[in-house]
Amino acid sequence: MTIKSDKWIRRMALEHGMIEPFEPDQIRHKDDQRIV
């Protein structure tokens, strides 16, 4: 299985309830850049 993009994960969580509870703001930042 491949690694899915953030957009795909967010869409599946919101539309299909695949992740409950889903926290869309749980993104790490460093020097004003998003990191994994």
N, C-alpha and C. Protein backbone atom coordinates (compact mmCIF):
# COMPACT_ATOMS: atom_id res chain seq x y z
N MET A 1 0.85 -1.18 0.00
CA MET A 1 0.00 0.00 0.00
C MET A 1 0.89 1.23 0.00
N THR A 2 0.52 2.22 -0.77
CA THR A 2 1.30 3.45 -0.85
C THR A 2 0.91 4.42 0.25
N ILE A 3 1.77 5.41 0.46
CA ILE A 3 1.47 6.47 1.42
C ILE A 3 0.48 7.42 0.77
N LYS A 4 -0.57 7.74 1.49
CA LYS A 4 -1.63 8.60 0.96
C LYS A 4 -1.35 10.06 1.31
N SER A 5 -1.80 10.96 0.44
CA SER A 5 -1.60 12.39 0.66
C SER A 5 -2.51 12.89 1.78
N ASP A 6 -2.14 14.04 2.32
CA ASP A 6 -2.96 14.67 3.37
C ASP A 6 -4.37 14.94 2.87
N LYS A 7 -4.49 15.37 1.61
CA LYS A 7 -5.82 15.66 1.04
C LYS A 7 -6.68 14.41 1.01
N TRP A 8 -6.10 13.27 0.63
CA TRP A 8 -6.84 12.01 0.56
C TRP A 8 -7.28 11.58 1.96
N ILE A 9 -6.36 11.66 2.91
CA ILE A 9 -6.68 11.27 4.29
C ILE A 9 -7.79 12.14 4.85
N ARG A 10 -7.69 13.45 4.64
CA ARG A 10 -8.71 14.37 5.14
C ARG A 10 -10.07 14.07 4.52
N ARG A 11 -10.08 13.84 3.20
CA ARG A 11 -11.35 13.56 2.50
C ARG A 11 -11.97 12.26 3.00
N MET A 12 -11.18 11.21 3.15
CA MET A 12 -11.71 9.93 3.62
C MET A 12 -12.22 10.05 5.06
N ALA A 13 -11.50 10.81 5.88
CA ALA A 13 -11.93 10.98 7.27
C ALA A 13 -13.25 11.73 7.35
N LEU A 14 -13.37 12.80 6.57
CA LEU A 14 -14.57 13.62 6.64
C LEU A 14 -15.76 12.99 5.92
N GLU A 15 -15.54 12.40 4.75
CA GLU A 15 -16.65 11.86 3.96
C GLU A 15 -17.06 10.46 4.38
N HIS A 16 -16.11 9.67 4.85
CA HIS A 16 -16.41 8.26 5.12
C HIS A 16 -16.17 7.85 6.58
N GLY A 17 -15.76 8.80 7.42
CA GLY A 17 -15.58 8.50 8.84
C GLY A 17 -14.50 7.48 9.12
N MET A 18 -13.45 7.44 8.28
CA MET A 18 -12.41 6.43 8.44
C MET A 18 -11.54 6.67 9.68
N ILE A 19 -11.47 7.91 10.13
CA ILE A 19 -10.69 8.24 11.33
C ILE A 19 -11.62 8.97 12.28
N GLU A 20 -11.90 8.38 13.41
CA GLU A 20 -12.77 9.01 14.41
C GLU A 20 -12.09 8.96 15.77
N PRO A 21 -11.92 10.05 16.45
CA PRO A 21 -12.17 11.41 15.98
C PRO A 21 -11.04 11.89 15.07
N PHE A 22 -11.36 12.71 14.09
CA PHE A 22 -10.37 13.27 13.16
C PHE A 22 -10.03 14.68 13.59
N GLU A 23 -8.75 14.98 13.71
CA GLU A 23 -8.29 16.31 14.12
C GLU A 23 -7.49 16.94 12.98
N PRO A 24 -8.14 17.75 12.14
CA PRO A 24 -7.47 18.31 10.96
C PRO A 24 -6.36 19.30 11.28
N ASP A 25 -6.34 19.85 12.48
CA ASP A 25 -5.31 20.83 12.84
C ASP A 25 -4.07 20.20 13.44
N GLN A 26 -3.97 18.89 13.40
CA GLN A 26 -2.82 18.20 13.99
C GLN A 26 -1.70 18.08 12.94
N ILE A 27 -1.15 19.23 12.59
CA ILE A 27 -0.07 19.32 11.61
C ILE A 27 1.10 20.01 12.30
N ARG A 28 2.30 19.43 12.15
CA ARG A 28 3.47 20.04 12.78
C ARG A 28 4.10 21.08 11.86
N HIS A 29 4.64 22.13 12.47
CA HIS A 29 5.27 23.22 11.72
C HIS A 29 6.68 23.45 12.26
N LYS A 30 7.58 23.86 11.37
CA LYS A 30 8.93 24.28 11.76
C LYS A 30 9.33 25.38 10.80
N ASP A 31 9.73 26.50 11.34
CA ASP A 31 10.12 27.65 10.52
C ASP A 31 9.03 28.00 9.51
N ASP A 32 7.79 28.02 9.97
CA ASP A 32 6.62 28.36 9.14
C ASP A 32 6.40 27.41 7.97
N GLN A 33 6.95 26.18 8.03
CA GLN A 33 6.72 25.18 6.99
C GLN A 33 6.09 23.95 7.63
N ARG A 34 5.15 23.34 6.90
CA ARG A 34 4.52 22.11 7.38
C ARG A 34 5.50 20.96 7.22
N ILE A 35 5.58 20.12 8.24
CA ILE A 35 6.43 18.93 8.17
C ILE A 35 5.62 17.72 8.59
N VAL A 36 6.09 16.56 8.23
CA VAL A 36 5.41 15.32 8.60
C VAL A 36 5.96 14.85 9.92
